[in-house]
């Protein structure tokens, strides 16, 4: 009963459709009704009990997952070994949900045709497939030309991902367990890095629901679970709660899972704890500034709320930077980029408002001007840090972070383009922002960085081309404006669109189609959206709430929300 009251780590939904988890009333009632059963056969001795599932495979070798995988489907053993090693050197450092020792023990059993199930990992093969997929994915951005070219020429990433998906369909199981949660989570990260965002969030949602269902938030571990797996199980919960945007799930007081101590944990777990704290601040900032509960608040009130929320974020960052021993190491660099990216997203709506009002020759309040200038300053900083410090060859952690770092760079670059393309906005902010020529140089550096990784990230090639095309239009107008006799308007030749709809803010260049990354189009709803593709690494994504699309209204000082993007 004690176990049932706290939750268990498995499901038995096939037996009872109304069974919703170990903490449910159905589970407790079933336990009470079973109290009169024979005492000589404890409940946990049943063959379907997750900890005993390995017997199914020992008694029937034909059902081994390994036996169902053709030799041509998996990479050759030497290649697979390389992918596994690369996974633990790269992606694992950002998502420390597996224990290398216990994983490698099962990995050897897998190649020897022995059972790999048991102790909470009934679908361990799916975890293996996703580890291989991640190892292949990180190899595509490896600094070693041979490793990178071999990975780019091989289909093993997609093959292993499909194997992981088929495992759930091909192997009968009575419910979820940690292997299901972990493999689904790794599938989310892999898909997100591939820019298959719709599939990615479906995976993340499923993983989070299975995690709740098996009582992962109750921190109940099987009595004979591998002791080395327990940290990974706790890390899995914090990763899920943070990346899926569950405000309650990231607070220790709301769940039984304990946060990792900052004084004794290794750096990767300290990093995870810091990101949990950061996610809480991100949600609080969103709530205070952009919640629909404050839809009738004006710009002045929202600017004041943003200053207060941003002050809390900056205080947290300063405290971490000075107290942490690894603030200048790769994990610290990633936190800095996420910190800058979040603040850009929070402030950019004000920059958007300034641009809209200046295009319409309307008065702009001082609060919006100050916020817009801050947004430009942070975008400049993010571009500079990314292009100068993110070197995949210097660290496996940075190599794995390259995929979502490109998203941060993309957001910052478009923010700068939004600013420099508006002469009237530049005239207003010229005294509080860097020189326009310096900003253009920064944008060009971002385009070069994107182009450098175009082989592994098809998005990067398209993004670099689009940025340069738009930058050429902007730079032409900027250079020509220095010579009065040849002064031209950068908007000449095409009409400036109606800017009341923020998602049309960059539609002033014919044929400019922003590539799919982070956001399906360049719009400023992302800071408000219930499902922000960029926010997943910031704890701002996947929120299952009000899906109303908010828009800044350039009329007056109010901040209004409309039901559809077309409204304005």
Protein backbone atom coordinates (compact mmCIF):
# COMPACT_ATOMS: atom_id res chain seq x y z
CA UNK A 1 0.00 0.00 0.00
CA UNK A 2 2.84 2.39 0.75
CA UNK A 3 4.08 1.97 -2.79
CA UNK A 4 0.64 2.47 -4.27
CA UNK A 5 0.05 5.62 -2.26
CA UNK A 6 3.27 7.17 -3.55
CA UNK A 7 3.01 5.90 -7.10
CA UNK A 8 4.64 3.10 -9.02
CA UNK A 9 6.94 3.01 -11.99
CA UNK A 10 4.82 1.09 -14.46
CA UNK A 11 1.39 0.86 -16.08
CA UNK A 12 -1.03 -2.04 -16.43
CA UNK A 13 -3.52 -0.35 -18.70
CA UNK A 14 -4.13 -3.47 -20.76
CA UNK A 15 -5.77 -5.16 -17.78
CA UNK A 16 -7.91 -2.29 -16.56
CA UNK A 17 -8.79 0.54 -18.97
CA UNK A 18 -9.63 2.83 -16.04
CA UNK A 19 -6.21 2.43 -14.49
CA UNK A 20 -4.48 5.79 -14.51
CA UNK A 21 -1.40 5.13 -12.42
CA UNK A 22 -0.18 3.86 -9.10
CA UNK A 23 -1.60 6.82 -7.17
CA UNK A 24 -5.13 6.45 -8.58
CA UNK A 25 -8.11 5.32 -6.55
CA UNK A 26 -8.52 2.33 -8.86
CA UNK A 27 -5.05 1.08 -7.98
CA UNK A 28 -5.67 1.43 -4.25
CA UNK A 29 -9.06 -0.30 -4.49
CA UNK A 30 -7.51 -3.14 -6.46
CA UNK A 31 -4.83 -3.52 -3.81
CA UNK A 32 -7.44 -3.67 -1.06
CA UNK A 33 -9.49 -6.25 -2.94
CA UNK A 34 -6.38 -8.34 -3.51
CA UNK A 35 -5.52 -8.41 0.21
CA UNK A 36 -7.31 -11.75 0.62
CA UNK A 37 -5.20 -13.44 -2.05
CA UNK A 38 -2.76 -16.12 -1.12
CA UNK A 39 0.05 -14.86 1.08
CA UNK A 40 2.55 -17.29 -0.40
CA UNK A 41 2.60 -15.44 -3.76
CA UNK A 42 3.38 -11.76 -3.27
CA UNK A 43 1.99 -9.37 -5.87
CA UNK A 44 5.40 -8.46 -7.19
CA UNK A 45 6.15 -12.06 -8.14
CA UNK A 46 3.73 -12.03 -11.08
CA UNK A 47 5.38 -12.47 -14.45
CA UNK A 48 3.88 -9.21 -15.77
CA UNK A 49 5.49 -7.21 -12.98
CA UNK A 50 7.95 -4.92 -14.77
CA UNK A 51 10.95 -6.03 -12.77
CA UNK A 52 10.37 -9.62 -13.88
CA UNK A 53 9.64 -8.93 -17.52
CA UNK A 54 13.07 -10.14 -18.59
CA UNK A 55 11.85 -13.69 -17.94
CA UNK A 56 9.57 -13.37 -20.95
CA UNK A 57 12.60 -13.02 -23.17
CA UNK A 58 14.65 -15.66 -21.40
CA UNK A 59 11.81 -18.14 -21.93
CA UNK A 60 11.24 -17.13 -25.54
CA UNK A 61 14.41 -16.04 -27.31
CA UNK A 62 12.51 -15.48 -30.57
CA UNK A 63 10.93 -12.38 -29.06
CA UNK A 64 14.22 -10.67 -28.38
CA UNK A 65 14.29 -7.23 -30.01
CA UNK A 66 17.76 -7.97 -31.35
CA UNK A 67 16.43 -10.99 -33.21
CA UNK A 68 13.91 -8.80 -35.01
CA UNK A 69 16.49 -6.36 -36.36
CA UNK A 70 18.04 -7.26 -39.68
CA UNK A 71 21.77 -6.96 -40.01
CA UNK A 72 21.46 -4.33 -42.72
CA UNK A 73 19.31 -2.05 -40.54
CA UNK A 74 21.85 -1.24 -37.87
CA UNK A 75 25.27 0.32 -38.40
CA UNK A 76 28.19 -2.13 -38.32
CA UNK A 77 29.43 -2.75 -34.80
CA UNK A 78 32.51 -0.46 -35.12
CA UNK A 79 30.34 2.38 -36.44
CA UNK A 80 27.75 1.79 -33.72
CA UNK A 81 30.49 1.88 -31.09
CA UNK A 82 31.65 5.24 -32.45
CA UNK A 83 28.11 6.62 -32.38
CA UNK A 84 27.57 5.49 -28.79
CA UNK A 85 30.85 7.05 -27.68
CA UNK A 86 30.05 10.27 -29.51
CA UNK A 87 26.61 10.42 -27.90
CA UNK A 88 28.10 10.33 -24.41
CA UNK A 89 30.71 12.91 -25.42
CA UNK A 90 28.15 15.32 -26.87
CA UNK A 91 24.36 15.10 -26.45
CA UNK A 92 24.53 13.32 -23.11
CA UNK A 93 26.28 16.32 -21.58
CA UNK A 94 23.22 18.46 -22.25
CA UNK A 95 20.64 15.77 -21.46
CA UNK A 96 22.17 13.54 -18.73
CA UNK A 97 19.28 11.11 -18.49
CA UNK A 98 21.24 7.86 -18.94
CA UNK A 99 23.95 6.23 -16.89
CA UNK A 100 26.86 5.22 -19.05
CA UNK A 101 27.92 2.20 -16.96
CA UNK A 102 24.52 0.51 -16.89
CA UNK A 103 23.88 1.46 -20.53
CA UNK A 104 27.14 -0.10 -21.71
CA UNK A 105 26.35 -3.26 -19.76
CA UNK A 106 23.10 -3.64 -21.67
CA UNK A 107 24.80 -2.56 -24.89
CA UNK A 108 27.23 -5.48 -24.71
CA UNK A 109 24.34 -7.85 -23.96
CA UNK A 110 22.48 -6.51 -26.98
CA UNK A 111 25.25 -7.40 -29.42
CA UNK A 112 25.66 -10.80 -27.80
CA UNK A 113 21.97 -11.56 -28.27
CA UNK A 114 21.22 -11.55 -24.54
CA UNK A 115 18.20 -9.92 -22.87
CA UNK A 116 18.51 -6.23 -22.18
CA UNK A 117 15.20 -5.74 -20.37
CA UNK A 118 14.48 -5.44 -16.68
CA UNK A 119 14.85 -2.96 -13.83
CA UNK A 120 12.61 -0.36 -15.41
CA UNK A 121 13.87 -0.73 -18.98
CA UNK A 122 11.49 -3.05 -20.81
CA UNK A 123 12.01 -1.26 -24.12
CA UNK A 124 15.71 -0.64 -23.75
CA UNK A 125 16.34 -1.33 -27.43
CA UNK A 126 14.40 1.83 -28.28
CA UNK A 127 16.79 3.78 -26.06
CA UNK A 128 19.72 2.23 -27.90
CA UNK A 129 18.31 3.19 -31.29
CA UNK A 130 17.91 6.82 -30.22
CA UNK A 131 21.41 6.91 -28.74
CA UNK A 132 22.74 5.73 -32.11
CA UNK A 133 20.60 8.32 -33.90
CA UNK A 134 22.01 11.09 -31.71
CA UNK A 135 25.55 9.83 -32.17
CA UNK A 136 25.03 10.00 -35.93
CA UNK A 137 23.43 13.46 -35.72
CA UNK A 138 26.28 14.93 -33.70
CA UNK A 139 28.74 13.34 -36.11
CA UNK A 140 27.30 15.48 -38.91
CA UNK A 141 28.76 18.58 -37.22
CA UNK A 142 31.98 16.93 -36.07
CA UNK A 143 35.14 18.98 -36.65
CA UNK A 144 36.86 15.91 -38.12
CA UNK A 145 36.24 16.01 -41.87
CA UNK A 146 36.25 12.22 -42.23
CA UNK A 147 33.76 11.67 -39.41
CA UNK A 148 31.51 14.47 -40.65
CA UNK A 149 31.52 13.38 -44.30
CA UNK A 150 30.88 9.74 -43.42
CA UNK A 151 27.90 10.74 -41.28
CA UNK A 152 26.48 13.08 -43.92
CA UNK A 153 26.68 10.28 -46.49
CA UNK A 154 25.01 7.63 -44.32
CA UNK A 155 21.30 7.14 -43.54
CA UNK A 156 21.85 5.64 -40.09
CA UNK A 157 20.30 8.53 -38.18
CA UNK A 158 16.92 8.22 -39.87
CA UNK A 159 17.14 4.42 -39.86
CA UNK A 160 17.76 4.22 -36.12
CA UNK A 161 14.99 6.72 -35.43
CA UNK A 162 12.53 4.60 -37.43
CA UNK A 163 13.71 1.50 -35.58
CA UNK A 164 12.94 3.21 -32.28
CA UNK A 165 9.43 4.05 -33.47
CA UNK A 166 8.80 0.54 -34.75
CA UNK A 167 9.89 -0.96 -31.44
CA UNK A 168 6.76 0.33 -29.78
CA UNK A 169 4.58 -1.23 -32.46
CA UNK A 170 6.43 -4.52 -32.86
CA UNK A 171 6.98 -5.46 -29.24
CA UNK A 172 3.97 -6.14 -26.98
CA UNK A 173 4.17 -4.41 -23.62
CA UNK A 174 1.67 -3.81 -20.85
CA UNK A 175 2.48 -0.17 -20.28
CA UNK A 176 5.09 2.53 -20.08
CA UNK A 177 8.37 2.50 -18.22
CA UNK A 178 11.58 4.50 -18.08
CA UNK A 179 12.85 3.16 -21.37
CA UNK A 180 9.69 4.46 -23.06
CA UNK A 181 10.08 7.87 -21.42
CA UNK A 182 13.77 8.15 -22.24
CA UNK A 183 13.50 6.97 -25.84
CA UNK A 184 10.57 9.31 -26.53
CA UNK A 185 12.44 12.21 -24.97
CA UNK A 186 15.57 11.51 -27.01
CA UNK A 187 13.34 11.25 -30.09
CA UNK A 188 12.00 14.73 -29.32
CA UNK A 189 15.50 16.21 -29.13
CA UNK A 190 16.57 14.43 -32.32
CA UNK A 191 13.51 15.59 -34.24
CA UNK A 192 13.84 19.14 -32.97
CA UNK A 193 17.45 19.25 -34.10
CA UNK A 194 16.26 18.02 -37.51
CA UNK A 195 13.71 20.85 -37.60
CA UNK A 196 10.80 18.41 -37.69
CA UNK A 197 9.00 20.42 -35.06
CA UNK A 198 5.50 18.99 -35.37
CA UNK A 199 6.73 15.45 -34.81
CA UNK A 200 9.08 16.64 -32.09
CA UNK A 201 6.40 18.15 -29.89
CA UNK A 202 4.20 15.10 -30.34
CA UNK A 203 7.06 13.00 -28.99
CA UNK A 204 7.70 15.38 -26.09
CA UNK A 205 4.05 15.42 -25.07
CA UNK A 206 3.84 11.64 -25.17
CA UNK A 207 7.01 11.29 -23.14
CA UNK A 208 5.73 13.71 -20.49
CA UNK A 209 2.39 11.94 -20.22
CA UNK A 210 4.04 8.55 -19.82
CA UNK A 211 6.33 10.08 -17.20
CA UNK A 212 3.35 11.29 -15.21
CA UNK A 213 1.53 8.00 -15.67
CA UNK A 214 4.36 5.89 -14.27
CA UNK A 215 4.70 8.16 -11.25
CA UNK A 216 8.05 9.59 -12.28
CA UNK A 217 7.22 12.81 -10.44
CA UNK A 218 6.83 10.78 -7.24
CA UNK A 219 10.43 9.56 -7.29
CA UNK A 220 9.53 5.97 -6.45
CA UNK A 221 12.23 3.65 -7.74
CA UNK A 222 11.98 -0.15 -7.86
CA UNK A 223 13.67 -1.77 -4.91
CA UNK A 224 16.15 -3.62 -7.09
CA UNK A 225 16.63 -0.89 -9.70
CA UNK A 226 20.17 -0.20 -10.77
CA UNK A 227 21.46 2.38 -8.30
CA UNK A 228 23.33 4.13 -11.11
CA UNK A 229 20.08 4.82 -12.96
CA UNK A 230 18.38 6.83 -10.22
CA UNK A 231 20.11 10.14 -11.04
CA UNK A 232 19.15 9.68 -14.67
CA UNK A 233 15.53 9.10 -13.73
CA UNK A 234 15.44 12.32 -11.68
CA UNK A 235 17.21 14.17 -14.50
CA UNK A 236 14.60 12.87 -16.94
CA UNK A 237 11.81 14.42 -14.91
CA UNK A 238 13.47 17.83 -14.73
CA UNK A 239 14.24 17.73 -18.46
CA UNK A 240 10.63 16.87 -19.29
CA UNK A 241 9.12 19.47 -16.96
CA UNK A 242 11.48 22.18 -18.17
CA UNK A 243 11.31 21.56 -21.91
CA UNK A 244 7.61 20.76 -22.09
CA UNK A 245 6.67 23.97 -20.28
CA UNK A 246 5.01 22.67 -17.13
CA UNK A 247 5.29 25.45 -14.50
CA UNK A 248 4.20 23.23 -11.62
CA UNK A 249 6.49 20.41 -12.71
CA UNK A 250 9.61 22.54 -12.37
CA UNK A 251 8.97 23.39 -8.71
CA UNK A 252 10.32 21.00 -6.06
CA UNK A 253 7.41 21.78 -3.76
CA UNK A 254 4.95 20.48 -6.38
CA UNK A 255 6.62 17.09 -6.88
CA UNK A 256 8.56 14.56 -4.84
CA UNK A 257 11.62 14.70 -7.09
CA UNK A 258 14.45 16.49 -5.36
CA UNK A 259 16.59 19.08 -7.19
CA UNK A 260 20.24 18.26 -7.65
CA UNK A 261 22.51 19.90 -5.05
CA UNK A 262 24.76 22.58 -6.49
CA UNK A 263 27.68 21.86 -4.19
CA UNK A 264 28.18 18.14 -4.78
CA UNK A 265 26.67 17.29 -8.19
CA UNK A 266 28.74 17.00 -11.39
CA UNK A 267 28.58 19.93 -13.80
CA UNK A 268 25.97 18.42 -16.12
CA UNK A 269 23.53 17.93 -13.22
CA UNK A 270 24.31 21.38 -11.80
CA UNK A 271 23.58 22.74 -15.27
CA UNK A 272 20.24 20.95 -15.26
CA UNK A 273 19.35 22.41 -11.87
CA UNK A 274 20.28 25.90 -13.06
CA UNK A 275 18.08 25.46 -16.12
CA UNK A 276 15.21 24.39 -13.86
CA UNK A 277 15.60 27.64 -11.93
CA UNK A 278 15.87 29.62 -15.15
CA UNK A 279 12.70 28.03 -16.52
CA UNK A 280 10.79 29.13 -13.45
CA UNK A 281 11.94 32.72 -13.96
CA UNK A 282 11.02 32.51 -17.64
CA UNK A 283 7.50 31.40 -16.85
CA UNK A 284 7.13 34.09 -14.21
CA UNK A 285 8.26 36.76 -16.68
CA UNK A 286 5.80 35.53 -19.29
CA UNK A 287 3.00 35.52 -16.74
CA UNK A 288 3.74 39.03 -15.51
CA UNK A 289 4.16 40.66 -18.92
CA UNK A 290 2.23 38.76 -21.57
CA UNK A 291 -0.42 36.70 -19.82
CA UNK A 292 -3.91 36.97 -21.27
CA UNK A 293 -5.05 37.85 -17.76
CA UNK A 294 -3.57 41.31 -18.37
CA UNK A 295 -4.92 41.78 -21.89
CA UNK A 296 -6.33 45.22 -21.08
CA UNK A 297 -3.06 46.55 -19.70
CA UNK A 298 -1.35 49.33 -21.60
CA UNK A 299 2.22 49.61 -22.81
CA UNK A 300 3.30 51.55 -19.73
CA UNK A 301 2.07 48.87 -17.34
CA UNK A 302 3.59 46.08 -19.38
CA UNK A 303 6.92 47.87 -19.68
CA UNK A 304 7.01 48.25 -15.90
CA UNK A 305 6.20 44.56 -15.47
CA UNK A 306 8.94 43.65 -17.94
CA UNK A 307 11.50 45.73 -16.07
CA UNK A 308 10.64 43.96 -12.83
CA UNK A 309 10.69 40.49 -14.38
CA UNK A 310 13.89 41.21 -16.27
CA UNK A 311 15.47 42.50 -13.08
CA UNK A 312 14.81 39.16 -11.41
CA UNK A 313 16.29 37.29 -14.38
CA UNK A 314 19.40 39.48 -14.41
CA UNK A 315 19.87 39.11 -10.65
CA UNK A 316 19.65 35.33 -10.98
CA UNK A 317 22.15 35.33 -13.83
CA UNK A 318 24.61 37.58 -12.01
CA UNK A 319 24.41 35.41 -8.91
CA UNK A 320 25.02 32.25 -10.92
CA UNK A 321 27.86 33.78 -12.90
CA UNK A 322 29.78 34.89 -9.83
CA UNK A 323 29.05 31.85 -7.66
CA UNK A 324 29.50 29.06 -10.20
CA UNK A 325 32.90 27.51 -10.84
CA UNK A 326 31.91 26.59 -14.41
CA UNK A 327 30.32 29.85 -15.60
CA UNK A 328 33.10 30.31 -18.18
CA UNK A 329 33.05 26.70 -19.34
CA UNK A 330 30.90 25.30 -22.20
CA UNK A 331 27.80 24.73 -20.05
CA UNK A 332 28.11 28.28 -18.79
CA UNK A 333 28.34 29.62 -22.33
CA UNK A 334 25.12 27.82 -23.25
CA UNK A 335 23.34 29.31 -20.24
CA UNK A 336 24.50 32.77 -21.33
CA UNK A 337 23.09 32.25 -24.83
CA UNK A 338 19.77 31.01 -23.47
CA UNK A 339 19.66 33.93 -21.08
CA UNK A 340 20.20 36.41 -23.92
CA UNK A 341 17.75 34.65 -26.22
CA UNK A 342 14.98 34.68 -23.63
CA UNK A 343 15.44 38.38 -22.96
CA UNK A 344 15.38 39.11 -26.70
CA UNK A 345 12.06 37.31 -26.98
CA UNK A 346 10.64 39.22 -24.02
CA UNK A 347 11.76 42.63 -25.31
CA UNK A 348 11.25 42.19 -29.04
CA UNK A 349 7.53 42.87 -28.94
CA UNK A 350 8.40 46.41 -27.83
CA UNK A 351 10.88 46.78 -30.70
CA UNK A 352 8.17 45.59 -33.04
CA UNK A 353 5.78 48.17 -31.62
CA UNK A 354 8.31 50.96 -32.12
CA UNK A 355 8.89 49.94 -35.75
CA UNK A 356 5.18 49.82 -36.47
CA UNK A 357 4.49 53.21 -34.94
CA UNK A 358 7.44 54.88 -36.63
CA UNK A 359 6.35 53.51 -40.00
CA UNK A 360 2.98 55.15 -39.38
CA UNK A 361 4.60 58.35 -38.06
CA UNK A 362 2.92 57.91 -34.70
CA UNK A 363 4.19 58.99 -31.31
CA UNK A 364 6.25 56.39 -29.46
CA UNK A 365 6.33 56.31 -25.68
CA UNK A 366 9.66 56.45 -23.90
CA UNK A 367 9.10 53.06 -22.25
CA UNK A 368 8.93 51.37 -25.63
CA UNK A 369 12.04 53.20 -26.86
CA UNK A 370 14.09 52.04 -23.86
CA UNK A 371 12.89 48.45 -24.23
CA UNK A 372 13.60 48.43 -27.98
CA UNK A 373 17.15 49.70 -27.41
CA UNK A 374 17.77 46.94 -24.88
CA UNK A 375 16.53 44.36 -27.37
CA UNK A 376 19.03 45.57 -29.98
CA UNK A 377 21.86 45.54 -27.45
CA UNK A 378 21.13 41.94 -26.44
CA UNK A 379 20.79 40.79 -30.05
CA UNK A 380 24.20 42.26 -30.82
CA UNK A 381 25.69 40.48 -27.83
CA UNK A 382 24.16 37.12 -28.77
CA UNK A 383 25.42 37.30 -32.35
CA UNK A 384 28.91 38.24 -31.18
CA UNK A 385 29.11 35.49 -28.55
CA UNK A 386 27.78 32.84 -30.93
CA UNK A 387 30.02 33.66 -33.87
CA UNK A 388 33.15 34.09 -31.76
CA UNK A 389 32.78 31.40 -29.08
CA UNK A 390 30.69 28.51 -30.45
CA UNK A 391 33.33 26.23 -31.92
CA UNK A 392 32.20 22.63 -32.30
CA UNK A 393 35.80 21.47 -32.30
CA UNK A 394 36.56 22.86 -28.86
CA UNK A 395 34.02 20.89 -26.83
CA UNK A 396 31.59 18.01 -27.22
CA UNK A 397 29.08 20.04 -25.22
CA UNK A 398 29.26 22.92 -27.70
CA UNK A 399 29.11 20.45 -30.57
CA UNK A 400 25.78 19.12 -29.29
CA UNK A 401 24.49 22.62 -28.55
CA UNK A 402 25.13 23.82 -32.09
CA UNK A 403 21.68 22.70 -33.28
CA UNK A 404 19.66 24.87 -30.92
CA UNK A 405 22.32 27.59 -30.79
CA UNK A 406 21.57 28.21 -34.46
CA UNK A 407 18.02 28.99 -33.41
CA UNK A 408 19.20 31.63 -31.00
CA UNK A 409 21.41 33.13 -33.69
CA UNK A 410 18.51 33.16 -36.13
CA UNK A 411 16.28 35.04 -33.69
CA UNK A 412 18.96 37.60 -32.90
CA UNK A 413 19.82 38.15 -36.57
CA UNK A 414 16.23 38.78 -37.59
CA UNK A 415 15.85 41.14 -34.66
CA UNK A 416 18.75 43.21 -35.98
CA UNK A 417 17.35 43.09 -39.51
CA UNK A 418 14.03 44.36 -38.23
CA UNK A 419 15.83 47.35 -36.76
CA UNK A 420 18.25 48.29 -39.53
CA UNK A 421 15.66 48.03 -42.26
CA UNK A 422 13.67 50.91 -40.71
CA UNK A 423 15.30 54.30 -41.21
CA UNK A 424 12.79 56.05 -39.00
CA UNK A 425 13.37 53.62 -36.14
CA UNK A 426 17.12 54.01 -36.48
CA UNK A 427 16.80 57.78 -36.30
CA UNK A 428 14.87 57.42 -33.06
CA UNK A 429 17.26 54.94 -31.42
CA UNK A 430 20.56 56.11 -32.92
CA UNK A 431 21.85 57.62 -29.68
CA UNK A 432 21.15 54.50 -27.60
CA UNK A 433 22.18 51.71 -29.99
CA UNK A 434 25.45 50.72 -31.69
CA UNK A 435 26.48 52.28 -34.97
CA UNK A 436 24.38 51.05 -37.88
CA UNK A 437 27.43 49.93 -39.83
CA UNK A 438 28.54 47.79 -36.89
CA UNK A 439 25.12 46.19 -36.71
CA UNK A 440 25.26 45.35 -40.42
CA UNK A 441 28.71 43.81 -39.91
CA UNK A 442 27.28 41.68 -37.11
CA UNK A 443 24.48 40.48 -39.36
CA UNK A 444 27.01 39.53 -42.03
CA UNK A 445 29.00 37.57 -39.43
CA UNK A 446 25.85 35.67 -38.55
CA UNK A 447 25.26 34.83 -42.22
CA UNK A 448 28.82 33.51 -42.51
CA UNK A 449 28.34 31.36 -39.40
CA UNK A 450 25.08 29.95 -40.76
CA UNK A 451 26.67 29.14 -44.12
CA UNK A 452 29.55 27.35 -42.41
CA UNK A 453 27.19 24.65 -41.13
CA UNK A 454 24.92 24.38 -44.16
CA UNK A 455 25.87 20.77 -44.97
CA UNK A 456 24.61 19.38 -41.67
CA UNK A 457 21.74 21.84 -41.27
CA UNK A 458 19.82 22.49 -44.50
CA UNK A 459 18.05 25.31 -42.71
CA UNK A 460 21.37 27.10 -42.27
CA UNK A 461 21.95 27.33 -46.02
CA UNK A 462 18.50 28.78 -46.67
CA UNK A 463 18.79 31.14 -43.70
CA UNK A 464 22.18 32.45 -44.84
CA UNK A 465 20.85 33.10 -48.35
CA UNK A 466 17.76 34.89 -47.08
CA UNK A 467 19.69 36.99 -44.59
CA UNK A 468 22.18 38.10 -47.24
CA UNK A 469 19.43 38.90 -49.71
CA UNK A 470 17.67 41.09 -47.19
CA UNK A 471 20.92 42.55 -45.90
CA UNK A 472 21.86 43.59 -49.43
CA UNK A 473 18.67 45.60 -49.69
CA UNK A 474 19.29 47.23 -46.33
CA UNK A 475 22.99 47.89 -46.90
CA UNK A 476 22.36 49.44 -50.32
CA UNK A 477 20.03 51.97 -48.82
CA UNK A 478 22.42 52.61 -45.95
CA UNK A 479 25.46 53.24 -48.15
CA UNK A 480 23.61 55.36 -50.69
CA UNK A 481 22.14 57.54 -47.95
CA UNK A 482 25.65 58.80 -47.15
CA UNK A 483 25.80 60.53 -50.54
CA UNK A 484 23.09 63.20 -50.94
CA UNK A 485 23.30 63.24 -54.73
CA UNK A 486 22.55 59.54 -54.97
CA UNK A 487 20.31 59.18 -51.94
CA UNK A 488 17.69 56.49 -52.39
CA UNK A 489 14.94 55.09 -50.29
CA UNK A 490 15.48 51.42 -49.47
CA UNK A 491 11.74 50.97 -49.78
CA UNK A 492 11.68 52.31 -53.34
CA UNK A 493 10.49 49.73 -55.82
CA UNK A 494 8.24 47.89 -53.40
CA UNK A 495 5.49 48.98 -51.10
CA UNK A 496 5.75 48.83 -47.34
CA UNK A 497 2.97 46.49 -46.18
CA UNK A 498 0.32 47.20 -43.63
CA UNK A 499 2.31 46.72 -40.45
CA UNK A 500 -0.62 46.32 -38.11
CA UNK A 501 -0.07 42.58 -38.29
CA UNK A 502 3.28 41.80 -36.64
CA UNK A 503 3.82 38.64 -38.64
CA UNK A 504 4.18 40.76 -41.79
CA UNK A 505 6.93 42.94 -40.42
CA UNK A 506 9.59 41.67 -42.85
CA UNK A 507 7.39 41.21 -45.89
CA UNK A 508 8.79 44.34 -47.50
CA UNK A 509 11.24 42.46 -49.72
CA UNK A 510 9.61 40.59 -52.62
CA UNK A 511 10.32 36.89 -52.48
CA UNK A 512 11.62 36.97 -48.92
CA UNK A 513 10.48 33.70 -47.40
CA UNK A 514 11.91 33.04 -43.98
CA UNK A 515 13.14 29.42 -43.71
CA UNK A 516 11.46 27.14 -41.25
CA UNK A 517 13.40 27.27 -38.02
CA UNK A 518 12.14 27.98 -34.53
CA UNK A 519 9.16 29.81 -35.92
CA UNK A 520 7.27 28.92 -39.10
CA UNK A 521 7.43 32.56 -40.23
CA UNK A 522 9.10 35.62 -38.84
CA UNK A 523 6.47 36.86 -36.44
CA UNK A 524 6.43 38.23 -32.99
CA UNK A 525 3.80 35.95 -31.56
CA UNK A 526 6.49 33.60 -30.26
CA UNK A 527 6.84 35.50 -27.00
CA UNK A 528 3.13 34.99 -26.47
CA UNK A 529 2.51 31.67 -28.18
CA UNK A 530 1.36 28.67 -26.18
CA UNK A 531 3.74 26.52 -28.19
CA UNK A 532 6.93 28.43 -28.80
CA UNK A 533 9.40 26.37 -30.85
CA UNK A 534 12.25 28.43 -29.56
CA UNK A 535 11.23 28.21 -25.96
CA UNK A 536 11.73 24.43 -25.58
CA UNK A 537 15.28 24.92 -24.44
CA UNK A 538 14.15 27.78 -22.23
CA UNK A 539 11.20 26.24 -20.53
CA UNK A 540 8.78 28.37 -22.59
CA UNK A 541 7.47 25.74 -24.93
CA UNK A 542 4.76 23.19 -25.11
CA UNK A 543 2.33 25.06 -22.88
CA UNK A 544 -1.10 23.53 -23.22
CA UNK A 545 -3.14 26.62 -22.55
CA UNK A 546 -5.00 29.41 -24.26
CA UNK A 547 -4.03 29.41 -27.93
CA UNK A 548 -5.32 32.91 -28.66
CA UNK A 549 -2.93 34.79 -30.91
CA UNK A 550 -2.05 38.18 -29.39
CA UNK A 551 -1.00 41.16 -31.44
CA UNK A 552 0.33 44.56 -30.63
CA UNK A 553 -2.02 47.26 -31.79
CA UNK A 554 -0.17 50.35 -33.02
CA UNK A 555 -3.21 52.50 -32.28
CA UNK A 556 -2.96 54.41 -29.01
CA UNK A 557 -1.03 52.91 -26.13
CA UNK A 558 -3.15 49.85 -25.48
CA UNK A 559 -2.03 46.28 -25.83
CA UNK A 560 -4.88 44.33 -27.35
CA UNK A 561 -5.44 40.71 -28.27
CA UNK A 562 -7.20 39.55 -31.38
CA UNK A 563 -8.61 36.13 -32.12
CA UNK A 564 -6.88 35.53 -35.43
CA UNK A 565 -3.66 36.65 -37.12
CA UNK A 566 -5.72 38.33 -39.83
CA UNK A 567 -7.41 40.62 -37.36
CA UNK A 568 -5.79 43.97 -37.00
